[in-house]
């Protein structure tokens, strides 16, 4: 998933992929969100910024929520009614913590 054409979403703000890696200090992990949902238990790890990489032409909109116990990412798409709905597709993305 590396190379040109990738875009990083950091809390809804697009930034250069190399900048997100420097800011978060982590290494990207390739992940597949089954049916548009992903959850990672943090296990006491303190995370202050999350980087998500999707293709520039991706139809998916990442919605991120977290607390001190878990990170949750829901990938939504727009349907016929102009409201975002959780995707039923598996979504391949890169996550940097």
Foldseek 3Di string as FASTA:
>chain_A
DDDPQKWKAKPNDTDDPVVLCVVQVFDKDKDKAQQQKDKDFCPQDDGDIKIKMDGPPDQWDWDWDDDRTMIIIGTWHADPVRDTDGGRHIGIMIMTD
